Amino acid sequence: EVVSINLDKNELLLGGSIPGCRNGILYLKATGDFEIKKEAVAVPEVLVVEEPAVVIEKNEETKE
């Protein structure tokens, strides 16, 4: 199973076991184009609430 494709590095990430020895060369051949399965990702809806800005004014008295 092709898990992901990194086009920048020209790499395929495969899932599952692959027969052969470690550090061996794996040749992939296929007719046509590879299709990437895209899973729908649920994005939680964020409720935006606008609150009025609160301005606090301080009146300082000068002591003489």
N, C-alpha and C. Protein backbone atom coordinates (compact mmCIF):
# COMPACT_ATOMS: atom_id res chain seq x y z
N GLU A 1 0.85 -1.17 0.00
CA GLU A 1 0.00 0.00 0.00
C GLU A 1 0.90 1.23 0.00
N VAL A 2 0.63 2.18 -0.87
CA VAL A 2 1.37 3.44 -0.91
C VAL A 2 0.75 4.35 0.14
N VAL A 3 1.54 4.68 1.17
CA VAL A 3 1.05 5.51 2.26
C VAL A 3 1.15 6.98 1.90
N SER A 4 2.31 7.41 1.39
CA SER A 4 2.46 8.81 0.99
C SER A 4 3.53 8.92 -0.09
N ILE A 5 3.50 10.05 -0.78
CA ILE A 5 4.46 10.32 -1.85
C ILE A 5 5.12 11.66 -1.55
N ASN A 6 6.45 11.68 -1.53
CA ASN A 6 7.20 12.92 -1.33
C ASN A 6 7.81 13.30 -2.68
N LEU A 7 7.19 14.26 -3.35
CA LEU A 7 7.64 14.63 -4.69
C LEU A 7 8.95 15.39 -4.66
N ASP A 8 9.24 16.11 -3.56
CA ASP A 8 10.49 16.87 -3.47
C ASP A 8 11.70 15.94 -3.46
N LYS A 9 11.60 14.83 -2.74
CA LYS A 9 12.71 13.88 -2.63
C LYS A 9 12.55 12.69 -3.56
N ASN A 10 11.45 12.66 -4.32
CA ASN A 10 11.16 11.55 -5.23
C ASN A 10 11.11 10.22 -4.47
N GLU A 11 10.33 10.19 -3.37
CA GLU A 11 10.24 9.02 -2.50
C GLU A 11 8.80 8.54 -2.38
N LEU A 12 8.65 7.24 -2.20
CA LEU A 12 7.37 6.62 -1.87
C LEU A 12 7.47 6.01 -0.49
N LEU A 13 6.47 6.21 0.35
CA LEU A 13 6.41 5.56 1.65
C LEU A 13 5.40 4.43 1.53
N LEU A 14 5.89 3.19 1.69
CA LEU A 14 5.04 2.02 1.52
C LEU A 14 4.69 1.43 2.87
N GLY A 15 3.47 0.94 3.00
CA GLY A 15 3.03 0.28 4.22
C GLY A 15 2.95 -1.22 4.01
N GLY A 16 3.30 -1.98 5.03
CA GLY A 16 3.25 -3.43 4.92
C GLY A 16 4.63 -4.01 4.72
N SER A 17 4.70 -5.33 4.67
CA SER A 17 6.00 -5.98 4.52
C SER A 17 6.34 -6.15 3.04
N ILE A 18 7.64 -6.10 2.76
CA ILE A 18 8.14 -6.25 1.40
C ILE A 18 9.16 -7.38 1.40
N PRO A 19 9.00 -8.38 0.54
CA PRO A 19 9.96 -9.49 0.53
C PRO A 19 11.32 -9.04 0.00
N GLY A 20 12.36 -9.69 0.49
CA GLY A 20 13.71 -9.37 0.04
C GLY A 20 14.61 -9.06 1.22
N CYS A 21 15.88 -8.80 0.92
CA CYS A 21 16.84 -8.52 1.99
C CYS A 21 16.83 -7.03 2.33
N ARG A 22 17.38 -6.73 3.51
CA ARG A 22 17.49 -5.33 3.93
C ARG A 22 18.45 -4.59 3.02
N ASN A 23 18.18 -3.31 2.84
CA ASN A 23 18.99 -2.42 1.99
C ASN A 23 19.05 -2.91 0.55
N GLY A 24 18.07 -3.68 0.14
CA GLY A 24 18.01 -4.14 -1.25
C GLY A 24 17.36 -3.07 -2.12
N ILE A 25 17.32 -3.31 -3.39
CA ILE A 25 16.72 -2.38 -4.34
C ILE A 25 15.33 -2.90 -4.70
N LEU A 26 14.37 -2.03 -4.65
CA LEU A 26 12.99 -2.37 -4.97
C LEU A 26 12.59 -1.60 -6.23
N TYR A 27 12.18 -2.32 -7.25
CA TYR A 27 11.73 -1.69 -8.49
C TYR A 27 10.21 -1.74 -8.52
N LEU A 28 9.60 -0.61 -8.78
CA LEU A 28 8.15 -0.53 -8.89
C LEU A 28 7.80 -0.28 -10.35
N LYS A 29 6.89 -1.09 -10.86
CA LYS A 29 6.43 -0.92 -12.23
C LYS A 29 4.91 -0.95 -12.21
N ALA A 30 4.33 -0.06 -12.97
CA ALA A 30 2.87 -0.04 -13.05
C ALA A 30 2.46 0.59 -14.38
N THR A 31 1.31 0.19 -14.84
CA THR A 31 0.78 0.82 -16.04
C THR A 31 -0.11 1.97 -15.61
N GLY A 32 -0.02 3.07 -16.29
CA GLY A 32 -0.85 4.21 -15.94
C GLY A 32 -0.24 5.02 -14.81
N ASP A 33 -1.07 5.83 -14.20
CA ASP A 33 -0.62 6.71 -13.13
C ASP A 33 -0.96 6.12 -11.77
N PHE A 34 -0.14 6.44 -10.78
CA PHE A 34 -0.46 6.06 -9.41
C PHE A 34 -1.55 6.98 -8.90
N GLU A 35 -2.49 6.44 -8.17
CA GLU A 35 -3.55 7.25 -7.59
C GLU A 35 -3.34 7.33 -6.09
N ILE A 36 -3.39 8.53 -5.57
CA ILE A 36 -3.22 8.75 -4.13
C ILE A 36 -4.60 8.77 -3.50
N LYS A 37 -4.78 7.93 -2.48
CA LYS A 37 -6.05 7.92 -1.76
C LYS A 37 -6.02 9.06 -0.75
N LYS A 38 -6.98 9.95 -0.89
CA LYS A 38 -7.07 11.07 0.05
C LYS A 38 -8.23 10.81 0.98
N GLU A 39 -7.93 10.84 2.27
CA GLU A 39 -8.98 10.63 3.26
C GLU A 39 -9.56 11.98 3.65
N ALA A 40 -10.84 12.00 3.86
CA ALA A 40 -11.49 13.23 4.29
C ALA A 40 -11.13 13.49 5.75
N VAL A 41 -10.64 14.68 6.01
CA VAL A 41 -10.26 15.05 7.36
C VAL A 41 -11.34 15.95 7.93
N ALA A 42 -11.88 15.56 9.07
CA ALA A 42 -12.92 16.35 9.70
C ALA A 42 -12.29 17.54 10.41
N VAL A 43 -12.69 18.73 9.98
CA VAL A 43 -12.19 19.96 10.60
C VAL A 43 -13.25 20.45 11.55
N PRO A 44 -12.91 20.58 12.85
CA PRO A 44 -13.91 21.04 13.80
C PRO A 44 -14.29 22.50 13.51
N GLU A 45 -15.57 22.76 13.59
CA GLU A 45 -16.05 24.11 13.31
C GLU A 45 -15.82 24.97 14.54
N VAL A 46 -15.24 26.13 14.33
CA VAL A 46 -14.92 27.03 15.43
C VAL A 46 -15.92 28.17 15.43
N LEU A 47 -16.56 28.38 16.57
CA LEU A 47 -17.52 29.45 16.71
C LEU A 47 -16.79 30.71 17.15
N VAL A 48 -16.88 31.76 16.37
CA VAL A 48 -16.21 33.01 16.69
C VAL A 48 -17.23 33.95 17.29
N VAL A 49 -16.96 34.39 18.52
CA VAL A 49 -17.85 35.30 19.21
C VAL A 49 -17.11 36.62 19.39
N GLU A 50 -17.72 37.69 18.89
CA GLU A 50 -17.10 39.00 19.04
C GLU A 50 -17.66 39.64 20.30
N GLU A 51 -16.75 40.02 21.19
CA GLU A 51 -17.15 40.68 22.42
C GLU A 51 -16.75 42.14 22.33
N PRO A 52 -17.57 43.03 22.89
CA PRO A 52 -17.21 44.45 22.85
C PRO A 52 -15.96 44.69 23.71
N ALA A 53 -15.13 45.60 23.24
CA ALA A 53 -13.90 45.91 23.97
C ALA A 53 -14.25 46.70 25.22
N VAL A 54 -13.60 46.38 26.32
CA VAL A 54 -13.83 47.06 27.59
C VAL A 54 -12.67 48.03 27.80
N VAL A 55 -13.02 49.31 27.97
CA VAL A 55 -12.01 50.34 28.19
C VAL A 55 -12.11 50.77 29.64
N ILE A 56 -10.99 50.66 30.34
CA ILE A 56 -10.94 51.07 31.74
C ILE A 56 -10.13 52.35 31.83
N GLU A 57 -10.77 53.40 32.33
CA GLU A 57 -10.08 54.67 32.47
C GLU A 57 -9.79 54.89 33.95
N LYS A 58 -8.58 55.30 34.25
CA LYS A 58 -8.20 55.57 35.64
C LYS A 58 -8.07 57.08 35.81
N ASN A 59 -8.73 57.59 36.82
CA ASN A 59 -8.60 59.00 37.17
C ASN A 59 -7.69 59.08 38.38
N GLU A 60 -6.53 59.65 38.16
CA GLU A 60 -5.57 59.76 39.27
C GLU A 60 -5.65 61.17 39.84
N GLU A 61 -5.75 61.21 41.15
CA GLU A 61 -5.77 62.51 41.82
C GLU A 61 -4.37 62.83 42.28
N THR A 62 -3.99 64.08 42.12
CA THR A 62 -2.66 64.50 42.56
C THR A 62 -2.77 65.01 43.99
N LYS A 63 -1.90 64.51 44.83
CA LYS A 63 -1.87 64.95 46.23
C LYS A 63 -0.81 66.02 46.36
N GLU A 64 -1.18 67.18 47.01
CA GLU A 64 -0.23 68.26 47.22
C GLU A 64 -0.05 68.56 48.67
